[in-house]
Amino acid sequence: MTTKTKLPKGLTFEKALERLEKIVAELEDPERGLEASLELFEEGVALSRFCRGKLEEIQKRVDVVLKETPEGLVTEPLDAPDDDEGEDEA
């Protein structure tokens, strides 16, 4: 019995993230029942996917803007490790 969670029209990234934070806090309540927790979890997954989609959309727009600049800037993944990181761990 899976129902697709409908997100409100005009939902912004900021509002979705705010609601997601509230859901996480509510899920930490040990008194919450299983069914209620499942409903919150489903809403949280939908919001997480929405936020990820928005971030990917923005990343593509940033890439386009950087490619169009006369300086010819090159983009790199945001999570790329720095050259100096990790050397002390070896």
PDB file of N, CA and C in Angstrom:
ATOM      1  N   MET A   1       0.840  -1.183   0.000  1.00  0.00           N
ATOM      2  CA  MET A   1       0.000   0.000   0.000  1.00  0.00           C
ATOM      3  C   MET A   1       0.881   1.241   0.000  1.00  0.00           C
ATOM      4  N   THR A   2       1.360   1.636  -1.153  1.00  0.00           N
ATOM      5  CA  THR A   2       2.179   2.833  -1.247  1.00  0.00           C
ATOM      6  C   THR A   2       1.384   3.937  -1.919  1.00  0.00           C
ATOM      7  N   THR A   3       1.422   5.075  -1.314  1.00  0.00           N
ATOM      8  CA  THR A   3       0.769   6.238  -1.892  1.00  0.00           C
ATOM      9  C   THR A   3       1.830   7.274  -2.161  1.00  0.00           C
ATOM     10  N   LYS A   4       1.720   7.906  -3.308  1.00  0.00           N
ATOM     11  CA  LYS A   4       2.701   8.915  -3.669  1.00  0.00           C
ATOM     12  C   LYS A   4       2.401  10.192  -2.897  1.00  0.00           C
ATOM     13  N   THR A   5       3.388  10.698  -2.184  1.00  0.00           N
ATOM     14  CA  THR A   5       3.232  11.920  -1.418  1.00  0.00           C
ATOM     15  C   THR A   5       3.199  13.102  -2.360  1.00  0.00           C
ATOM     16  N   LYS A   6       2.146  13.885  -2.266  1.00  0.00           N
ATOM     17  CA  LYS A   6       2.033  15.069  -3.114  1.00  0.00           C
ATOM     18  C   LYS A   6       2.632  16.261  -2.372  1.00  0.00           C
ATOM     19  N   LEU A   7       3.514  16.949  -3.059  1.00  0.00           N
ATOM     20  CA  LEU A   7       4.128  18.135  -2.479  1.00  0.00           C
ATOM     21  C   LEU A   7       3.322  19.358  -2.895  1.00  0.00           C
ATOM     22  N   PRO A   8       3.276  20.375  -2.052  1.00  0.00           N
ATOM     23  CA  PRO A   8       2.509  21.582  -2.389  1.00  0.00           C
ATOM     24  C   PRO A   8       3.067  22.288  -3.624  1.00  0.00           C
ATOM     25  N   LYS A   9       2.162  22.878  -4.396  1.00  0.00           N
ATOM     26  CA  LYS A   9       2.612  23.652  -5.563  1.00  0.00           C
ATOM     27  C   LYS A   9       3.375  24.877  -5.077  1.00  0.00           C
ATOM     28  N   GLY A  10       4.363  25.273  -5.841  1.00  0.00           N
ATOM     29  CA  GLY A  10       5.151  26.452  -5.495  1.00  0.00           C
ATOM     30  C   GLY A  10       6.113  26.224  -4.336  1.00  0.00           C
ATOM     31  N   LEU A  11       6.362  24.970  -4.002  1.00  0.00           N
ATOM     32  CA  LEU A  11       7.275  24.653  -2.907  1.00  0.00           C
ATOM     33  C   LEU A  11       8.685  25.121  -3.254  1.00  0.00           C
ATOM     34  N   THR A  12       9.319  25.808  -2.329  1.00  0.00           N
ATOM     35  CA  THR A  12      10.689  26.263  -2.538  1.00  0.00           C
ATOM     36  C   THR A  12      11.658  25.297  -1.859  1.00  0.00           C
ATOM     37  N   PHE A  13      12.903  25.365  -2.271  1.00  0.00           N
ATOM     38  CA  PHE A  13      13.941  24.534  -1.667  1.00  0.00           C
ATOM     39  C   PHE A  13      14.020  24.807  -0.165  1.00  0.00           C
ATOM     40  N   GLU A  14      13.965  26.071   0.203  1.00  0.00           N
ATOM     41  CA  GLU A  14      14.099  26.451   1.606  1.00  0.00           C
ATOM     42  C   GLU A  14      12.956  25.905   2.452  1.00  0.00           C
ATOM     43  N   LYS A  15      11.734  25.998   1.936  1.00  0.00           N
ATOM     44  CA  LYS A  15      10.569  25.486   2.669  1.00  0.00           C
ATOM     45  C   LYS A  15      10.639  23.960   2.776  1.00  0.00           C
ATOM     46  N   ALA A  16      11.060  23.306   1.710  1.00  0.00           N
ATOM     47  CA  ALA A  16      11.172  21.851   1.720  1.00  0.00           C
ATOM     48  C   ALA A  16      12.213  21.410   2.743  1.00  0.00           C
ATOM     49  N   LEU A  17      13.329  22.096   2.787  1.00  0.00           N
ATOM     50  CA  LEU A  17      14.386  21.757   3.729  1.00  0.00           C
ATOM     51  C   LEU A  17      13.926  22.000   5.173  1.00  0.00           C
ATOM     52  N   GLU A  18      13.210  23.078   5.386  1.00  0.00           N
ATOM     53  CA  GLU A  18      12.676  23.383   6.715  1.00  0.00           C
ATOM     54  C   GLU A  18      11.713  22.279   7.176  1.00  0.00           C
ATOM     55  N   ARG A  19      10.829  21.849   6.281  1.00  0.00           N
ATOM     56  CA  ARG A  19       9.882  20.781   6.624  1.00  0.00           C
ATOM     57  C   ARG A  19      10.621  19.471   6.863  1.00  0.00           C
ATOM     58  N   LEU A  20      11.633  19.211   6.078  1.00  0.00           N
ATOM     59  CA  LEU A  20      12.421  17.995   6.243  1.00  0.00           C
ATOM     60  C   LEU A  20      13.092  17.964   7.617  1.00  0.00           C
ATOM     61  N   GLU A  21      13.593  19.096   8.065  1.00  0.00           N
ATOM     62  CA  GLU A  21      14.206  19.176   9.391  1.00  0.00           C
ATOM     63  C   GLU A  21      13.176  18.892  10.482  1.00  0.00           C
ATOM     64  N   LYS A  22      11.955  19.395  10.310  1.00  0.00           N
ATOM     65  CA  LYS A  22      10.893  19.136  11.287  1.00  0.00           C
ATOM     66  C   LYS A  22      10.519  17.655  11.305  1.00  0.00           C
ATOM     67  N   ILE A  23      10.486  17.048  10.135  1.00  0.00           N
ATOM     68  CA  ILE A  23      10.158  15.626  10.053  1.00  0.00           C
ATOM     69  C   ILE A  23      11.200  14.799  10.793  1.00  0.00           C
ATOM     70  N   VAL A  24      12.464  15.125  10.608  1.00  0.00           N
ATOM     71  CA  VAL A  24      13.537  14.399  11.299  1.00  0.00           C
ATOM     72  C   VAL A  24      13.346  14.508  12.806  1.00  0.00           C
ATOM     73  N   ALA A  25      13.036  15.699  13.284  1.00  0.00           N
ATOM     74  CA  ALA A  25      12.815  15.895  14.720  1.00  0.00           C
ATOM     75  C   ALA A  25      11.611  15.079  15.202  1.00  0.00           C
ATOM     76  N   GLU A  26      10.549  15.056  14.412  1.00  0.00           N
ATOM     77  CA  GLU A  26       9.362  14.296  14.791  1.00  0.00           C
ATOM     78  C   GLU A  26       9.636  12.794  14.793  1.00  0.00           C
ATOM     79  N   LEU A  27      10.437  12.321  13.872  1.00  0.00           N
ATOM     80  CA  LEU A  27      10.751  10.897  13.806  1.00  0.00           C
ATOM     81  C   LEU A  27      11.608  10.448  14.991  1.00  0.00           C
ATOM     82  N   GLU A  28      12.297  11.364  15.620  1.00  0.00           N
ATOM     83  CA  GLU A  28      13.121  11.022  16.774  1.00  0.00           C
ATOM     84  C   GLU A  28      12.295  10.822  18.037  1.00  0.00           C
ATOM     85  N   ASP A  29      11.006  11.154  17.996  1.00  0.00           N
ATOM     86  CA  ASP A  29      10.117  10.993  19.134  1.00  0.00           C
ATOM     87  C   ASP A  29       9.794   9.505  19.316  1.00  0.00           C
ATOM     88  N   PRO A  30      10.214   8.905  20.426  1.00  0.00           N
ATOM     89  CA  PRO A  30       9.981   7.475  20.626  1.00  0.00           C
ATOM     90  C   PRO A  30       8.507   7.130  20.847  1.00  0.00           C
ATOM     91  N   GLU A  31       7.682   8.096  21.146  1.00  0.00           N
ATOM     92  CA  GLU A  31       6.263   7.861  21.385  1.00  0.00           C
ATOM     93  C   GLU A  31       5.445   7.786  20.095  1.00  0.00           C
ATOM     94  N   ARG A  32       6.035   8.174  18.982  1.00  0.00           N
ATOM     95  CA  ARG A  32       5.322   8.187  17.696  1.00  0.00           C
ATOM     96  C   ARG A  32       5.067   6.754  17.257  1.00  0.00           C
ATOM     97  N   GLY A  33       3.867   6.501  16.799  1.00  0.00           N
ATOM     98  CA  GLY A  33       3.488   5.164  16.358  1.00  0.00           C
ATOM     99  C   GLY A  33       4.120   4.795  15.024  1.00  0.00           C
ATOM    100  N   LEU A  34       4.051   3.533  14.717  1.00  0.00           N
ATOM    101  CA  LEU A  34       4.661   3.010  13.503  1.00  0.00           C
ATOM    102  C   LEU A  34       4.032   3.603  12.248  1.00  0.00           C
ATOM    103  N   GLU A  35       2.712   3.618  12.169  1.00  0.00           N
ATOM    104  CA  GLU A  35       2.026   4.140  10.983  1.00  0.00           C
ATOM    105  C   GLU A  35       2.319   5.625  10.775  1.00  0.00           C
ATOM    106  N   ALA A  36       2.279   6.398  11.862  1.00  0.00           N
ATOM    107  CA  ALA A  36       2.567   7.831  11.767  1.00  0.00           C
ATOM    108  C   ALA A  36       4.011   8.056  11.342  1.00  0.00           C
ATOM    109  N   SER A  37       4.907   7.233  11.850  1.00  0.00           N
ATOM    110  CA  SER A  37       6.315   7.348  11.478  1.00  0.00           C
ATOM    111  C   SER A  37       6.514   7.024  10.007  1.00  0.00           C
ATOM    112  N   LEU A  38       5.809   6.025   9.523  1.00  0.00           N
ATOM    113  CA  LEU A  38       5.920   5.647   8.118  1.00  0.00           C
ATOM    114  C   LEU A  38       5.435   6.780   7.216  1.00  0.00           C
ATOM    115  N   GLU A  39       4.334   7.411   7.573  1.00  0.00           N
ATOM    116  CA  GLU A  39       3.815   8.540   6.788  1.00  0.00           C
ATOM    117  C   GLU A  39       4.822   9.687   6.747  1.00  0.00           C
ATOM    118  N   LEU A  40       5.408   9.977   7.895  1.00  0.00           N
ATOM    119  CA  LEU A  40       6.429  11.031   7.941  1.00  0.00           C
ATOM    120  C   LEU A  40       7.644  10.651   7.103  1.00  0.00           C
ATOM    121  N   PHE A  41       8.036   9.396   7.194  1.00  0.00           N
ATOM    122  CA  PHE A  41       9.182   8.916   6.419  1.00  0.00           C
ATOM    123  C   PHE A  41       8.927   9.077   4.922  1.00  0.00           C
ATOM    124  N   GLU A  42       7.742   8.701   4.470  1.00  0.00           N
ATOM    125  CA  GLU A  42       7.398   8.827   3.052  1.00  0.00           C
ATOM    126  C   GLU A  42       7.429  10.291   2.610  1.00  0.00           C
ATOM    127  N   GLU A  43       6.900  11.168   3.439  1.00  0.00           N
ATOM    128  CA  GLU A  43       6.944  12.600   3.116  1.00  0.00           C
ATOM    129  C   GLU A  43       8.388  13.086   3.075  1.00  0.00           C
ATOM    130  N   GLY A  44       9.190  12.620   4.006  1.00  0.00           N
ATOM    131  CA  GLY A  44      10.597  13.008   4.054  1.00  0.00           C
ATOM    132  C   GLY A  44      11.364  12.564   2.821  1.00  0.00           C
ATOM    133  N   VAL A  45      11.095  11.357   2.349  1.00  0.00           N
ATOM    134  CA  VAL A  45      11.759  10.855   1.142  1.00  0.00           C
ATOM    135  C   VAL A  45      11.373  11.717  -0.056  1.00  0.00           C
ATOM    136  N   ALA A  46      10.086  12.058  -0.163  1.00  0.00           N
ATOM    137  CA  ALA A  46       9.631  12.901  -1.271  1.00  0.00           C
ATOM    138  C   ALA A  46      10.298  14.274  -1.214  1.00  0.00           C
ATOM    139  N   LEU A  47      10.394  14.834  -0.033  1.00  0.00           N
ATOM    140  CA  LEU A  47      11.041  16.139   0.123  1.00  0.00           C
ATOM    141  C   LEU A  47      12.532  16.053  -0.189  1.00  0.00           C
ATOM    142  N   SER A  48      13.167  14.973   0.224  1.00  0.00           N
ATOM    143  CA  SER A  48      14.585  14.780  -0.056  1.00  0.00           C
ATOM    144  C   SER A  48      14.838  14.709  -1.562  1.00  0.00           C
ATOM    145  N   ARG A  49      13.998  13.979  -2.265  1.00  0.00           N
ATOM    146  CA  ARG A  49      14.134  13.884  -3.723  1.00  0.00           C
ATOM    147  C   ARG A  49      13.897  15.234  -4.384  1.00  0.00           C
ATOM    148  N   PHE A  50      12.926  15.978  -3.879  1.00  0.00           N
ATOM    149  CA  PHE A  50      12.649  17.315  -4.404  1.00  0.00           C
ATOM    150  C   PHE A  50      13.877  18.207  -4.235  1.00  0.00           C
ATOM    151  N   CYS A  51      14.461  18.197  -3.031  1.00  0.00           N
ATOM    152  CA  CYS A  51      15.638  19.031  -2.754  1.00  0.00           C
ATOM    153  C   CYS A  51      16.821  18.621  -3.625  1.00  0.00           C
ATOM    154  N   ARG A  52      17.045  17.328  -3.768  1.00  0.00           N
ATOM    155  CA  ARG A  52      18.144  16.851  -4.613  1.00  0.00           C
ATOM    156  C   ARG A  52      17.948  17.306  -6.059  1.00  0.00           C
ATOM    157  N   GLY A  53      16.708  17.246  -6.545  1.00  0.00           N
ATOM    158  CA  GLY A  53      16.417  17.693  -7.903  1.00  0.00           C
ATOM    159  C   GLY A  53      16.688  19.173  -8.081  1.00  0.00           C
ATOM    160  N   LYS A  54      16.303  19.969  -7.082  1.00  0.00           N
ATOM    161  CA  LYS A  54      16.564  21.414  -7.144  1.00  0.00           C
ATOM    162  C   LYS A  54      18.059  21.691  -7.164  1.00  0.00           C
ATOM    163  N   LEU A  55      18.809  20.990  -6.335  1.00  0.00           N
ATOM    164  CA  LEU A  55      20.262  21.195  -6.308  1.00  0.00           C
ATOM    165  C   LEU A  55      20.907  20.823  -7.639  1.00  0.00           C
ATOM    166  N   GLU A  56      20.461  19.732  -8.237  1.00  0.00           N
ATOM    167  CA  GLU A  56      20.997  19.328  -9.543  1.00  0.00           C
ATOM    168  C   GLU A  56      20.657  20.369 -10.608  1.00  0.00           C
ATOM    169  N   GLU A  57      19.445  20.899 -10.543  1.00  0.00           N
ATOM    170  CA  GLU A  57      19.023  21.937 -11.498  1.00  0.00           C
ATOM    171  C   GLU A  57      19.898  23.186 -11.364  1.00  0.00           C
ATOM    172  N   ILE A  58      20.147  23.603 -10.146  1.00  0.00           N
ATOM    173  CA  ILE A  58      20.983  24.785  -9.899  1.00  0.00           C
ATOM    174  C   ILE A  58      22.418  24.525 -10.351  1.00  0.00           C
ATOM    175  N   GLN A  59      22.929  23.327 -10.090  1.00  0.00           N
ATOM    176  CA  GLN A  59      24.301  22.995 -10.506  1.00  0.00           C
ATOM    177  C   GLN A  59      24.439  23.094 -12.023  1.00  0.00           C
ATOM    178  N   LYS A  60      23.443  22.616 -12.750  1.00  0.00           N
ATOM    179  CA  LYS A  60      23.476  22.708 -14.215  1.00  0.00           C
ATOM    180  C   LYS A  60      23.472  24.161 -14.671  1.00  0.00           C
ATOM    181  N   ARG A  61      22.679  24.992 -14.010  1.00  0.00           N
ATOM    182  CA  ARG A  61      22.628  26.414 -14.373  1.00  0.00           C
ATOM    183  C   ARG A  61      23.960  27.089 -14.088  1.00  0.00           C
ATOM    184  N   VAL A  62      24.586  26.743 -12.977  1.00  0.00           N
ATOM    185  CA  VAL A  62      25.896  27.309 -12.638  1.00  0.00           C
ATOM    186  C   VAL A  62      26.920  26.883 -13.683  1.00  0.00           C
ATOM    187  N   ASP A  63      26.884  25.618 -14.068  1.00  0.00           N
ATOM    188  CA  ASP A  63      27.815  25.128 -15.089  1.00  0.00           C
ATOM    189  C   ASP A  63      27.665  25.911 -16.384  1.00  0.00           C
ATOM    190  N   VAL A  64      26.431  26.198 -16.791  1.00  0.00           N
ATOM    191  CA  VAL A  64      26.185  26.951 -18.020  1.00  0.00           C
ATOM    192  C   VAL A  64      26.749  28.361 -17.902  1.00  0.00           C
ATOM    193  N   VAL A  65      26.510  28.998 -16.777  1.00  0.00           N
ATOM    194  CA  VAL A  65      27.009  30.369 -16.585  1.00  0.00           C
ATOM    195  C   VAL A  65      28.525  30.388 -16.616  1.00  0.00           C
ATOM    196  N   LEU A  66      29.168  29.431 -15.954  1.00  0.00           N
ATOM    197  CA  LEU A  66      30.627  29.408 -15.929  1.00  0.00           C
ATOM    198  C   LEU A  66      31.212  29.125 -17.302  1.00  0.00           C
ATOM    199  N   LYS A  67      30.570  28.307 -18.099  1.00  0.00           N
ATOM    200  CA  LYS A  67      31.057  28.006 -19.438  1.00  0.00           C
ATOM    201  C   LYS A  67      30.932  29.209 -20.358  1.00  0.00           C
ATOM    202  N   GLU A  68      29.979  30.091 -20.077  1.00  0.00           N
ATOM    203  CA  GLU A  68      29.744  31.243 -20.932  1.00  0.00           C
ATOM    204  C   GLU A  68      30.648  32.426 -20.608  1.00  0.00           C
ATOM    205  N   THR A  69      31.428  32.337 -19.547  1.00  0.00           N
ATOM    206  CA  THR A  69      32.273  33.460 -19.173  1.00  0.00           C
ATOM    207  C   THR A  69      33.503  33.519 -20.064  1.00  0.00           C
ATOM    208  N   PRO A  70      33.982  34.721 -20.361  1.00  0.00           N
ATOM    209  CA  PRO A  70      35.158  34.862 -21.219  1.00  0.00           C
ATOM    210  C   PRO A  70      36.421  34.280 -20.591  1.00  0.00           C
ATOM    211  N   GLU A  71      36.469  34.198 -19.281  1.00  0.00           N
ATOM    212  CA  GLU A  71      37.653  33.668 -18.620  1.00  0.00           C
ATOM    213  C   GLU A  71      37.774  32.162 -18.796  1.00  0.00           C
ATOM    214  N   GLY A  72      36.699  31.517 -19.207  1.00  0.00           N
ATOM    215  CA  GLY A  72      36.731  30.070 -19.420  1.00  0.00           C
ATOM    216  C   GLY A  72      36.937  29.292 -18.146  1.00  0.00           C
ATOM    217  N   LEU A  73      36.226  29.653 -17.088  1.00  0.00           N
ATOM    218  CA  LEU A  73      36.366  28.953 -15.815  1.00  0.00           C
ATOM    219  C   LEU A  73      35.976  27.488 -15.958  1.00  0.00           C
ATOM    220  N   VAL A  74      36.619  26.665 -15.176  1.00  0.00           N
ATOM    221  CA  VAL A  74      36.345  25.235 -15.192  1.00  0.00           C
ATOM    222  C   VAL A  74      35.676  24.873 -13.872  1.00  0.00           C
ATOM    223  N   THR A  75      34.624  24.075 -13.948  1.00  0.00           N
ATOM    224  CA  THR A  75      33.946  23.650 -12.726  1.00  0.00           C
ATOM    225  C   THR A  75      34.525  22.339 -12.244  1.00  0.00           C
ATOM    226  N   GLU A  76      34.443  22.126 -10.931  1.00  0.00           N
ATOM    227  CA  GLU A  76      34.887  20.897 -10.315  1.00  0.00           C
ATOM    228  C   GLU A  76      33.794  20.443  -9.364  1.00  0.00           C
ATOM    229  N   PRO A  77      33.708  19.162  -9.088  1.00  0.00           N
ATOM    230  CA  PRO A  77      32.713  18.689  -8.121  1.00  0.00           C
ATOM    231  C   PRO A  77      32.929  19.355  -6.769  1.00  0.00           C
ATOM    232  N   LEU A  78      31.836  19.671  -6.071  1.00  0.00           N
ATOM    233  CA  LEU A  78      31.947  20.333  -4.780  1.00  0.00           C
ATOM    234  C   LEU A  78      32.588  19.448  -3.727  1.00  0.00           C
ATOM    235  N   ASP A  79      32.457  18.146  -3.857  1.00  0.00           N
ATOM    236  CA  ASP A  79      32.986  17.249  -2.852  1.00  0.00           C
ATOM    237  C   ASP A  79      34.357  16.687  -3.194  1.00  0.00           C
ATOM    238  N   ALA A  80      35.050  17.300  -4.147  1.00  0.00           N
ATOM    239  CA  ALA A  80      36.388  16.835  -4.514  1.00  0.00           C
ATOM    240  C   ALA A  80      37.350  17.112  -3.371  1.00  0.00           C
ATOM    241  N   PRO A  81      38.144  16.127  -2.976  1.00  0.00           N
ATOM    242  CA  PRO A  81      39.084  16.341  -1.867  1.00  0.00           C
ATOM    243  C   PRO A  81      40.208  17.280  -2.278  1.00  0.00           C
ATOM    244  N   ASP A  82      40.649  18.080  -1.316  1.00  0.00           N
ATOM    245  CA  ASP A  82      41.798  18.949  -1.549  1.00  0.00           C
ATOM    246  C   ASP A  82      43.053  18.097  -1.603  1.00  0.00           C
ATOM    247  N   ASP A  83      44.091  18.599  -2.263  1.00  0.00           N
ATOM    248  CA  ASP A  83      45.349  17.859  -2.364  1.00  0.00           C
ATOM    249  C   ASP A  83      45.991  17.652  -1.008  1.00  0.00           C
ATOM    250  N   ASP A  84      45.813  18.623  -0.083  1.00  0.00           N
ATOM    251  CA  ASP A  84      46.441  18.542   1.219  1.00  0.00           C
ATOM    252  C   ASP A  84      45.701  17.621   2.180  1.00  0.00           C
ATOM    253  N   GLU A  85      44.420  17.368   1.941  1.00  0.00           N
ATOM    254  CA  GLU A  85      43.642  16.543   2.841  1.00  0.00           C
ATOM    255  C   GLU A  85      44.029  15.093   2.690  1.00  0.00           C
ATOM    256  N   GLY A  86      43.990  14.377   3.794  1.00  0.00           N
ATOM    257  CA  GLY A  86      44.215  12.944   3.754  1.00  0.00           C
ATOM    258  C   GLY A  86      45.680  12.542   3.844  1.00  0.00           C
ATOM    259  N   GLU A  87      46.622  13.487   3.718  1.00  0.00           N
ATOM    260  CA  GLU A  87      48.028  13.127   3.763  1.00  0.00           C
ATOM    261  C   GLU A  87      48.442  12.704   5.167  1.00  0.00           C
ATOM    262  N   ASP A  88      47.810  13.312   6.205  1.00  0.00           N
ATOM    263  CA  ASP A  88      48.167  12.997   7.570  1.00  0.00           C
ATOM    264  C   ASP A  88      47.586  11.659   7.997  1.00  0.00           C
ATOM    265  N   GLU A  89      46.568  11.166   7.291  1.00  0.00           N
ATOM    266  CA  GLU A  89      45.895   9.935   7.677  1.00  0.00           C
ATOM    267  C   GLU A  89      46.661   8.710   7.244  1.00  0.00           C
ATOM    268  N   ALA A  90      47.599   8.834   6.323  1.00  0.00           N
ATOM    269  CA  ALA A  90      48.330   7.665   5.804  1.00  0.00           C
ATOM    270  C   ALA A  90      49.298   7.100   6.793  1.00  0.00           C
TER     271      ALA A  90
END
